[in-house]
Each structure stands twice: as C-alpha cells, then as structure tokens.
Amino acid sequence: MNIPELLCPAGNLTALETALHFGADAVYGGMKRFGLRAFAGNFGGEELREAVRLTHAAGKKFYVTLNSLPYDDEMDAFTEAAREALDAGVDAAIVSDPGAIVTLRQEVPELPLHVSTQANTLNTPAAELYRDLGCSRIILAREMSLERIRALRKNLGSRPELEIFVHGASCVAYSGRCLLSAYLTGRSGNRGECAQPCRWKYAVVEEKRPGEYLPVAEDENGTYLFSARDLCLMPLLPRLCEAGVASLKIEGRMKTEYYVAVVTGAYRRALDLLRESPEAFERALPELTRELENASHRDSDTGFLEGQVKEPGGAEGFHQSREYIARVVEVQGGEARLLLKNRFFAGEELELMTRGGIRSVKAAPFVREKTGEVLDTLGIGGEIIRMAVPGAEAGDLLRGPVRNHRV
C-alpha cells in the first residue's frame, strides 16, 4: 500500500522538535511575514536556518508557508522572503496567489513550490495549470470528496503530487478565504491575522426586545452558529492511501507542542500499522481514535471526504481527556529533568508519551532544581524538576488527569 508523507505543523521551534520526535516525515512553518498564521511563533532569519538544520539532521523535510495574498507594493518584499527561505535550505514554499507563483518562478526559479489549499484547487484544468507553472504539489481544497480526489489523481497521472488535510480545525469559509474577521475586527484571515469570529458565541435579538437574547441552538457551553467542526480522517486512512495522495497534513501551527505530540504520534502509529497490514490498522483504530481525544479539540467529523458533511452545525467548545504535565528535557543517570507545565502529585498514575507509544508511570516525589527541595507537588509552570521516569528520553512528554486549576 502507498503510505503518504505525514506532514505536521511547526508553529515554533519546540513544536517542530516535538513533531520530529513523534514521527513526522515533514514539517511546515512560517516566516515572520507572508504566512497565514501571523500570531504563531514563526521563524526569523537565523531561527529559520536552525529549524531547517534540525529538520534535515533528522532526515525530514521543511516546507515554508508563503501563502498570504501580497499586494503590488509588497511583491518585492515577498520575493526577498522567498530568496531567504531558499538560502535557508527549505524543501519547498507553500504559495496560494497565482501572481506570486508566476513571480517566484521568474525571480526564484530554484525554489520548489506547493500550491496552498487557499488556491481552492478542485478540478483537473486548475491542477494542470499549476503543474504547467512549475508547481510540484497541490494542497487540495478541503471541499473535495474522496471519489473526486481519486478521479483527479487518475486524470493527472503521476504529477503533480496531491496533498490533503486530514486533521485539525476547519474554517467556516470556502477553503479558508474569509472576510468576516476583516469586516468585524480589521484583521484579515487572508493575510494571516484572523480573529476567528466564527468561533464566537451568537444569539438572536428581536428589535423590540433589546437586551433579550434568543438562542438559536444552545447547550451548557453556549451557542456556536458558525464554528465548523474539526476534521478527523483517521478512519479513512486506508482509502486515502489507495487514492494516491502523496501527503497527509495536520493543521495546527497555533497549537501547543502537546497537541502536536498527540496527533502526530497517533497518525504515525496508524500509518505504520497500515504499512504492516490493513487488518492491523483496523484492530488498532478504536484505540487510535481514543488517543486523539486526549488533545484539545472541537467536535469532529470527516468533512467532505465522504460527500456531504454528515452533521452540519456548530461545534460546541473544546474537549480534552488528558492534560500536558511536563516535557523531558534530558535524562541523566536514570533521572529525568522535566520542564513543568501543569501540576501533578506524587503517587498519581501518569502517562509517558514516547516515540513508540504510551505507557503508564507512577509519579514519585521529585527535586525542585532551583532550590533542591524534595516535593510531592508544585504549582509553578516553567520550573525544572528532577524525577525518576523509567524509560524516558529527551523529547518525551508526561500527561495526566485534566484539572480545573492550571499552573
């Protein structure tokens, strides 16, 4: 079976290292300008070089996002950013604007280009146009069904490669092209500054009853009329592999390293099981699906992959089954140095997230490195602590029960 590349988000250097540790084949991240996540950490000049160096040292690929829509007066700076990315050694740039594609083919011809999902590619003539412009990959619009992806692959032959999103947040607008944020807040989603007004709570007010809010749909979390469900294509992975997709992309450059670890690890295990056999994947599917519940997420579905969306309507808030406790910074003589994120207590059953999977560990009394105290609990995030964690290695994460009070 064809096993596609697993492409994971790297909003900052820690997320990048986490994605590589938990099995990404490639990562994608933005520069300080011209990406569609202006509020992610992103990578400045030397940071980008370091990100690419770390990625290539792991034998993986780094794609840079240059997929915002530049104006004429920004095109020179846009081209210069592309040159910087090429000099840093990126493996490709993700671009959405046709004018930007034409310009980069002329001005920076050595830089491989992938067509962003923002370009809304849905059909063979559009894909052939981008191929003729020299683009090596197309990230398809999220509105494509599995049957149409399969047909498009057949029509195109072997080139260009096709990539699809398989997991993460989905925009309420067509392939992410939304003006709502720009109108309401002055921050354009097409320029990487979306304020996500589709995620806000809404109600109806009748003209003669000011201040009386009439909910259209409500549960204990509020009313979310426009908030699209998250995407989760884990159950469809065998069919996606058979359709000839080259890359499976996880959304989340604004997400934490814990989110990246959970989702990357689950999809890595799923693809490795598919390489073993479809039967091995099917046996593990319930467990893999439960694992995805451990990261913060909205209600999810399979989007348009099976045709029409199955459950149209708003996604109600966020859910998560486990909480991020600490990251293993290094291991010295059987003792792990941990960067604390959230409180835990000695004696609790925690879970260690490793490259090979999840295993239970019992929390022990630990040393607060700053003072040398031996403690059973600590409520200060960012502290370094030392604790025995059998089998841990640098880059692993610890998680535990979700609490109401975070450190």
Protein backbone atom coordinates (compact mmCIF):
# COMPACT_ATOMS: atom_id res chain seq x y z
CA MET A 1 0.00 0.00 0.00
CA ASN A 2 1.16 3.53 -0.77
CA ILE A 3 1.99 5.21 2.54
CA PRO A 4 1.88 9.01 2.22
CA GLU A 5 4.16 11.51 3.89
CA LEU A 6 2.97 12.65 7.33
CA LEU A 7 3.22 16.46 7.35
CA CYS A 8 2.93 18.17 10.73
CA PRO A 9 2.71 21.77 11.98
CA ALA A 10 5.65 23.67 13.45
CA GLY A 11 4.45 26.99 14.84
CA ASN A 12 7.71 27.38 16.77
CA LEU A 13 10.96 25.52 17.41
CA THR A 14 9.59 23.45 20.30
CA ALA A 15 6.61 22.29 18.22
CA LEU A 16 8.99 21.45 15.38
CA GLU A 17 11.21 19.32 17.62
CA THR A 18 8.10 17.63 19.02
CA ALA A 19 6.73 16.81 15.57
CA LEU A 20 10.05 15.27 14.53
CA HIS A 21 10.33 13.33 17.79
CA PHE A 22 6.87 11.79 17.40
CA GLY A 23 7.22 10.70 13.80
CA ALA A 24 6.61 13.48 11.26
CA ASP A 25 8.08 12.88 7.81
CA ALA A 26 7.97 16.61 7.11
CA VAL A 27 7.02 19.82 8.90
CA TYR A 28 5.69 23.17 7.76
CA GLY A 29 6.25 26.53 9.39
CA GLY A 30 6.09 30.23 8.64
CA MET A 31 8.48 33.14 8.46
CA LYS A 32 7.75 36.41 10.23
CA ARG A 33 5.78 37.68 7.22
CA PHE A 34 3.56 36.34 4.43
CA GLY A 35 2.30 33.20 6.17
CA LEU A 36 -1.33 32.63 7.14
CA ARG A 37 -0.63 32.33 10.87
CA ALA A 38 0.75 35.74 11.77
CA PHE A 39 0.31 35.06 15.51
CA ALA A 40 2.20 31.76 15.60
CA GLY A 41 5.78 31.89 16.86
CA ASN A 42 7.14 31.56 13.30
CA PHE A 43 10.80 31.74 12.34
CA GLY A 44 13.06 34.76 11.80
CA GLY A 45 16.22 34.57 9.67
CA GLU A 46 18.56 32.57 11.90
CA GLU A 47 15.63 30.74 13.50
CA LEU A 48 14.55 29.52 10.07
CA ARG A 49 18.06 28.26 9.34
CA GLU A 50 18.11 26.44 12.66
CA ALA A 51 14.66 24.95 12.03
CA VAL A 52 15.74 23.66 8.61
CA ARG A 53 19.03 22.35 10.04
CA LEU A 54 17.25 20.37 12.76
CA THR A 55 14.73 19.01 10.27
CA HIS A 56 17.34 17.90 7.76
CA ALA A 57 19.51 16.41 10.53
CA ALA A 58 16.55 14.15 11.31
CA GLY A 59 16.30 13.20 7.62
CA LYS A 60 12.99 15.05 7.20
CA LYS A 61 11.71 17.95 5.06
CA PHE A 62 10.78 21.53 5.90
CA TYR A 63 8.19 23.49 3.91
CA VAL A 64 7.80 27.23 4.49
CA THR A 65 4.40 28.94 4.28
CA LEU A 66 4.32 31.98 1.97
CA ASN A 67 0.60 31.68 1.34
CA SER A 68 -0.82 35.08 2.25
CA LEU A 69 -2.08 37.29 -0.60
CA PRO A 70 0.52 40.02 -1.32
CA TYR A 71 -0.33 43.43 -2.77
CA ASP A 72 1.74 45.02 -5.55
CA ASP A 73 3.64 47.18 -3.10
CA GLU A 74 4.61 44.05 -1.13
CA MET A 75 5.80 41.90 -4.04
CA ASP A 76 9.47 42.88 -3.76
CA ALA A 77 9.49 42.01 -0.05
CA PHE A 78 7.61 38.80 -0.79
CA THR A 79 10.22 37.80 -3.36
CA GLU A 80 13.02 38.65 -0.95
CA ALA A 81 11.39 36.44 1.72
CA ALA A 82 11.32 33.59 -0.80
CA ARG A 83 15.04 34.08 -1.51
CA GLU A 84 15.76 33.99 2.24
CA ALA A 85 13.79 30.75 2.52
CA LEU A 86 15.74 29.22 -0.36
CA ASP A 87 19.04 30.31 1.18
CA ALA A 88 17.96 28.73 4.48
CA GLY A 89 17.53 25.41 2.65
CA VAL A 90 13.77 24.87 2.78
CA ASP A 91 12.48 22.00 0.66
CA ALA A 92 9.54 23.95 -0.79
CA ALA A 93 7.42 27.06 -0.32
CA ILE A 94 3.64 26.87 0.05
CA VAL A 95 2.10 29.65 -2.09
CA SER A 96 -1.52 30.48 -2.87
CA ASP A 97 -1.61 33.57 -5.10
CA PRO A 98 -1.22 32.94 -8.88
CA GLY A 99 0.67 36.20 -9.30
CA ALA A 100 3.05 35.20 -6.54
CA ILE A 101 3.59 31.82 -8.22
CA VAL A 102 4.41 33.45 -11.58
CA THR A 103 6.73 35.95 -9.91
CA LEU A 104 8.62 33.32 -7.91
CA ARG A 105 9.04 31.09 -10.94
CA GLN A 106 10.69 34.02 -12.70
CA GLU A 107 12.68 35.50 -9.79
CA VAL A 108 13.49 32.46 -7.62
CA PRO A 109 13.25 29.54 -10.06
CA GLU A 110 15.25 27.15 -7.86
CA LEU A 111 12.62 27.23 -5.08
CA PRO A 112 10.13 24.32 -5.34
CA LEU A 113 6.51 25.47 -4.99
CA HIS A 114 3.47 23.80 -3.45
CA VAL A 115 0.04 25.29 -4.13
CA SER A 116 -1.79 26.17 -0.92
CA THR A 117 -5.30 24.99 -0.12
CA GLN A 118 -6.14 28.73 -0.24
CA ALA A 119 -5.97 28.44 -4.03
CA ASN A 120 -9.15 26.32 -3.90
CA THR A 121 -7.98 23.69 -6.39
CA LEU A 122 -10.89 21.41 -7.23
CA ASN A 123 -10.51 20.27 -10.85
CA THR A 124 -8.12 18.92 -13.46
CA PRO A 125 -7.66 22.07 -15.59
CA ALA A 126 -6.68 24.11 -12.49
CA ALA A 127 -4.26 21.41 -11.37
CA GLU A 128 -2.76 21.22 -14.87
CA LEU A 129 -2.34 25.00 -14.90
CA TYR A 130 -0.34 24.91 -11.67
CA ARG A 131 1.70 21.98 -12.96
CA ASP A 132 2.48 23.92 -16.15
CA LEU A 133 3.58 26.86 -13.98
CA GLY A 134 6.13 24.56 -12.38
CA CYS A 135 4.43 23.66 -9.09
CA SER A 136 5.37 20.22 -7.83
CA ARG A 137 2.50 19.70 -5.38
CA ILE A 138 -1.09 20.86 -4.89
CA ILE A 139 -2.77 21.00 -1.49
CA LEU A 140 -6.38 20.37 -2.43
CA ALA A 141 -9.38 22.35 -1.23
CA ARG A 142 -10.99 20.81 1.85
CA GLU A 143 -14.26 20.59 -0.09
CA MET A 144 -13.01 17.68 -2.23
CA SER A 145 -14.60 14.27 -1.78
CA LEU A 146 -12.60 11.06 -1.77
CA GLU A 147 -14.05 9.96 -5.11
CA ARG A 148 -13.14 13.27 -6.72
CA ILE A 149 -9.61 13.09 -5.31
CA ARG A 150 -9.23 9.62 -6.77
CA ALA A 151 -10.53 10.79 -10.17
CA LEU A 152 -8.26 13.84 -10.16
CA ARG A 153 -5.23 11.66 -9.42
CA LYS A 154 -6.13 9.45 -12.38
CA ASN A 155 -6.61 12.42 -14.71
CA LEU A 156 -3.28 13.99 -13.78
CA GLY A 157 -1.11 10.91 -13.97
CA SER A 158 1.86 10.90 -11.63
CA ARG A 159 2.44 14.68 -11.40
CA PRO A 160 1.93 16.94 -9.58
CA GLU A 161 1.74 15.41 -6.12
CA LEU A 162 -1.53 15.82 -4.19
CA GLU A 163 -1.74 16.74 -0.50
CA ILE A 164 -4.80 16.93 1.72
CA PHE A 165 -5.59 18.00 5.27
CA VAL A 166 -6.51 15.04 7.47
CA HIS A 167 -6.82 16.55 10.95
CA GLY A 168 -7.44 19.78 12.81
CA ALA A 169 -9.51 22.93 12.69
CA SER A 170 -11.57 23.78 9.62
CA CYS A 171 -12.58 27.26 8.53
CA VAL A 172 -16.25 28.12 8.13
CA ALA A 173 -15.38 29.83 4.83
CA TYR A 174 -14.57 28.26 1.50
CA SER A 175 -11.05 26.81 1.78
CA GLY A 176 -10.29 29.41 4.42
CA ARG A 177 -10.97 32.50 2.28
CA CYS A 178 -12.99 34.56 4.74
CA LEU A 179 -13.77 38.27 5.06
CA LEU A 180 -15.67 38.04 8.35
CA SER A 181 -12.67 38.85 10.55
CA ALA A 182 -11.59 41.75 8.33
CA TYR A 183 -15.06 43.31 8.48
CA LEU A 184 -15.57 42.90 12.22
CA THR A 185 -12.08 43.50 13.56
CA GLY A 186 -9.92 44.87 10.76
CA ARG A 187 -7.79 41.70 10.83
CA SER A 188 -7.88 39.73 7.58
CA GLY A 189 -7.73 35.96 7.62
CA ASN A 190 -6.36 36.11 4.07
CA ARG A 191 -3.39 37.99 5.47
CA GLY A 192 -2.75 35.65 8.40
CA GLU A 193 -4.44 37.75 11.11
CA CYS A 194 -7.82 36.05 11.59
CA ALA A 195 -9.55 36.85 14.90
CA GLN A 196 -11.77 33.75 14.46
CA PRO A 197 -15.17 35.46 14.81
CA CYS A 198 -16.74 32.24 13.53
CA ARG A 199 -15.81 30.73 16.91
CA TRP A 200 -17.65 33.40 18.93
CA LYS A 201 -20.97 32.78 20.66
CA TYR A 202 -24.01 34.24 18.88
CA ALA A 203 -27.70 34.73 19.68
CA VAL A 204 -30.65 36.49 18.03
CA VAL A 205 -32.03 39.80 19.35
CA GLU A 206 -35.55 40.90 18.37
CA GLU A 207 -35.76 44.62 17.50
CA LYS A 208 -38.42 45.47 20.12
CA ARG A 209 -36.76 43.41 22.85
CA PRO A 210 -33.26 44.93 23.16
CA GLY A 211 -31.01 43.03 25.53
CA GLU A 212 -33.16 39.88 25.35
CA TYR A 213 -31.03 37.22 23.69
CA LEU A 214 -32.86 34.40 21.95
CA PRO A 215 -30.59 31.39 21.45
CA VAL A 216 -30.85 29.58 18.14
CA ALA A 217 -29.16 26.45 19.45
CA GLU A 218 -27.78 26.08 22.93
CA ASP A 219 -26.12 23.74 25.35
CA GLU A 220 -24.29 24.42 28.62
CA ASN A 221 -21.33 25.88 26.71
CA GLY A 222 -23.26 28.48 24.70
CA THR A 223 -24.28 28.92 21.08
CA TYR A 224 -21.81 28.44 18.23
CA LEU A 225 -23.65 29.05 14.96
CA PHE A 226 -20.70 29.35 12.62
CA SER A 227 -17.98 27.27 14.26
CA ALA A 228 -17.09 24.41 11.91
CA ARG A 229 -16.34 21.02 13.36
CA ASP A 230 -12.75 19.86 13.43
CA LEU A 231 -11.57 17.44 10.76
CA CYS A 232 -10.57 13.87 11.64
CA LEU A 233 -9.87 11.48 8.77
CA MET A 234 -8.25 8.74 10.84
CA PRO A 235 -11.00 6.20 9.90
CA LEU A 236 -10.47 6.91 6.18
CA LEU A 237 -6.69 6.48 6.05
CA PRO A 238 -6.73 3.20 4.06
CA ARG A 239 -8.92 4.78 1.36
CA LEU A 240 -6.74 7.87 1.25
CA CYS A 241 -3.64 5.75 0.73
CA GLU A 242 -5.36 3.88 -2.10
CA ALA A 243 -6.39 7.18 -3.72
CA GLY A 244 -2.76 8.06 -4.39
CA VAL A 245 -2.40 11.04 -2.07
CA ALA A 246 1.27 11.92 -1.51
CA SER A 247 1.00 13.84 1.76
CA LEU A 248 -1.35 13.92 4.75
CA LYS A 249 -1.34 17.27 6.53
CA ILE A 250 -2.19 18.02 10.15
CA GLU A 251 -3.46 21.54 10.86
CA GLY A 252 -2.19 23.34 13.97
CA ARG A 253 0.56 25.95 13.77
CA MET A 254 -1.19 27.81 16.60
CA LYS A 255 -1.41 24.66 18.74
CA THR A 256 0.83 23.56 21.63
CA GLU A 257 3.60 21.00 21.42
CA TYR A 258 1.34 18.67 23.43
CA TYR A 259 -1.33 18.81 20.70
CA VAL A 260 1.34 18.21 18.07
CA ALA A 261 2.68 15.22 20.02
CA VAL A 262 -0.72 13.56 20.47
CA VAL A 263 -1.89 13.93 16.90
CA THR A 264 1.45 13.26 15.23
CA GLY A 265 2.01 10.17 17.36
CA ALA A 266 -1.45 8.76 16.63
CA TYR A 267 -1.20 9.23 12.85
CA ARG A 268 2.37 7.92 12.81
CA ARG A 269 1.27 4.71 14.50
CA ALA A 270 -1.72 4.45 12.18
CA LEU A 271 0.40 4.76 9.03
CA ASP A 272 2.97 2.30 10.34
CA LEU A 273 0.20 -0.20 11.03
CA LEU A 274 -1.18 0.30 7.53
CA ARG A 275 2.26 -0.46 6.15
CA GLU A 276 2.11 -3.70 8.15
CA SER A 277 -1.43 -4.61 7.01
CA PRO A 278 -4.93 -3.10 6.73
CA GLU A 279 -6.09 -5.63 9.33
CA ALA A 280 -3.55 -4.40 11.88
CA PHE A 281 -4.79 -0.85 11.36
CA GLU A 282 -8.44 -1.83 11.76
CA ARG A 283 -7.73 -3.64 15.02
CA ALA A 284 -5.99 -0.57 16.42
CA LEU A 285 -8.44 2.02 15.07
CA PRO A 286 -10.61 2.32 18.23
CA GLU A 287 -7.54 2.89 20.38
CA LEU A 288 -6.07 5.40 17.92
CA THR A 289 -9.34 7.31 17.81
CA ARG A 290 -9.46 7.46 21.60
CA GLU A 291 -5.89 8.71 21.65
CA LEU A 292 -6.87 11.74 19.55
CA GLU A 293 -9.40 12.65 22.25
CA ASN A 294 -6.54 13.42 24.62
CA ALA A 295 -5.64 16.68 22.87
CA SER A 296 -7.82 19.78 22.95
CA HIS A 297 -10.32 19.62 20.09
CA ARG A 298 -13.81 20.56 19.00
CA ASP A 299 -16.41 18.05 17.90
CA SER A 300 -15.05 16.39 14.76
CA ASP A 301 -16.22 14.67 11.60
CA THR A 302 -14.82 13.59 8.23
CA GLY A 303 -15.69 16.84 6.49
CA PHE A 304 -16.50 16.50 2.78
CA LEU A 305 -14.42 13.37 2.18
CA GLU A 306 -17.48 11.12 2.08
CA GLY A 307 -19.61 13.60 0.17
CA GLN A 308 -21.84 15.96 2.11
CA VAL A 309 -20.92 16.83 5.69
CA LYS A 310 -22.77 14.38 7.92
CA GLU A 311 -23.66 16.69 10.81
CA PRO A 312 -23.88 20.31 9.71
CA GLY A 313 -23.98 22.85 12.51
CA GLY A 314 -21.74 24.47 15.08
CA ALA A 315 -19.09 22.69 17.10
CA GLU A 316 -19.59 23.29 20.81
CA GLY A 317 -16.43 24.42 22.57
CA PHE A 318 -13.34 22.34 23.29
CA HIS A 319 -12.84 18.88 24.83
CA GLN A 320 -9.76 17.08 26.09
CA SER A 321 -9.24 13.82 28.01
CA ARG A 322 -5.68 14.35 29.30
CA GLU A 323 -3.59 17.32 30.36
CA TYR A 324 0.01 18.18 29.50
CA ILE A 325 2.16 17.78 32.62
CA ALA A 326 5.81 18.14 31.62
CA ARG A 327 8.38 17.75 28.85
CA VAL A 328 11.51 15.63 29.28
CA VAL A 329 14.43 17.99 28.68
CA GLU A 330 17.16 15.41 29.24
CA VAL A 331 17.85 12.18 31.10
CA GLN A 332 20.81 11.91 33.46
CA GLY A 333 21.67 8.68 35.25
CA GLY A 334 18.14 7.32 35.17
CA GLU A 335 16.65 10.62 36.37
CA ALA A 336 14.67 12.84 34.02
CA ARG A 337 14.95 16.63 34.01
CA LEU A 338 11.42 17.88 33.33
CA LEU A 339 10.12 21.27 32.25
CA LEU A 340 6.92 21.59 34.28
CA LYS A 341 3.73 22.71 32.54
CA ASN A 342 0.91 21.76 34.93
CA ARG A 343 0.57 20.49 38.48
CA PHE A 344 0.68 16.82 39.41
CA PHE A 345 1.05 14.93 42.70
CA ALA A 346 3.44 12.19 43.77
CA GLY A 347 1.65 8.85 43.73
CA GLU A 348 -0.55 9.72 40.76
CA GLU A 349 -0.68 7.50 37.69
CA LEU A 350 0.66 9.50 34.75
CA GLU A 351 1.29 8.57 31.12
CA LEU A 352 4.62 8.87 29.35
CA MET A 353 4.31 9.72 25.66
CA THR A 354 7.22 8.21 23.72
CA ARG A 355 8.15 7.61 20.09
CA GLY A 356 6.94 4.03 20.46
CA GLY A 357 3.62 4.74 22.14
CA ILE A 358 2.06 5.50 25.52
CA ARG A 359 2.88 3.80 28.79
CA SER A 360 1.87 4.30 32.42
CA VAL A 361 4.28 5.67 35.02
CA LYS A 362 3.75 6.44 38.68
CA ALA A 363 4.75 9.93 39.76
CA ALA A 364 7.37 9.94 42.51
CA PRO A 365 8.50 12.70 44.88
CA PHE A 366 10.75 15.00 42.86
CA VAL A 367 13.50 17.58 43.30
CA ARG A 368 12.85 21.21 42.51
CA GLU A 369 16.12 22.03 40.75
CA LYS A 370 16.03 25.72 41.64
CA THR A 371 16.08 25.12 45.41
CA GLY A 372 16.99 21.45 45.87
CA GLU A 373 13.72 20.81 47.79
CA VAL A 374 12.10 17.38 47.59
CA LEU A 375 8.39 17.92 46.85
CA ASP A 376 5.18 15.98 46.23
CA THR A 377 3.64 18.73 44.08
CA LEU A 378 4.49 22.13 42.60
CA GLY A 379 2.29 24.81 41.10
CA ILE A 380 4.79 26.90 39.14
CA GLY A 381 4.87 26.31 35.39
CA GLY A 382 8.27 26.73 33.70
CA GLU A 383 10.23 25.27 36.64
CA ILE A 384 12.76 22.48 36.07
CA ILE A 385 12.24 19.44 38.27
CA ARG A 386 14.07 16.09 38.50
CA MET A 387 12.18 12.82 38.88
CA ALA A 388 12.73 9.16 38.15
CA VAL A 389 10.85 8.31 34.94
CA PRO A 390 11.87 4.81 33.78
CA GLY A 391 12.38 4.51 30.04
CA ALA A 392 12.10 8.23 29.30
CA GLU A 393 14.23 10.03 26.73
CA ALA A 394 14.59 13.69 25.81
CA GLY A 395 11.57 14.91 23.87
CA ASP A 396 9.05 12.61 25.56
CA LEU A 397 6.06 14.20 27.29
CA LEU A 398 4.20 13.40 30.51
CA ARG A 399 0.45 13.85 30.80
CA GLY A 400 -2.15 13.28 33.47
CA PRO A 401 -5.73 13.98 34.53
CA VAL A 402 -7.32 17.25 33.47
CA ARG A 403 -7.61 19.67 36.41
CA ASN A 404 -9.61 22.84 36.86
CA HIS A 405 -6.59 24.80 38.10
CA ARG A 406 -3.54 25.06 35.88
CA VAL A 407 -0.07 26.28 36.83
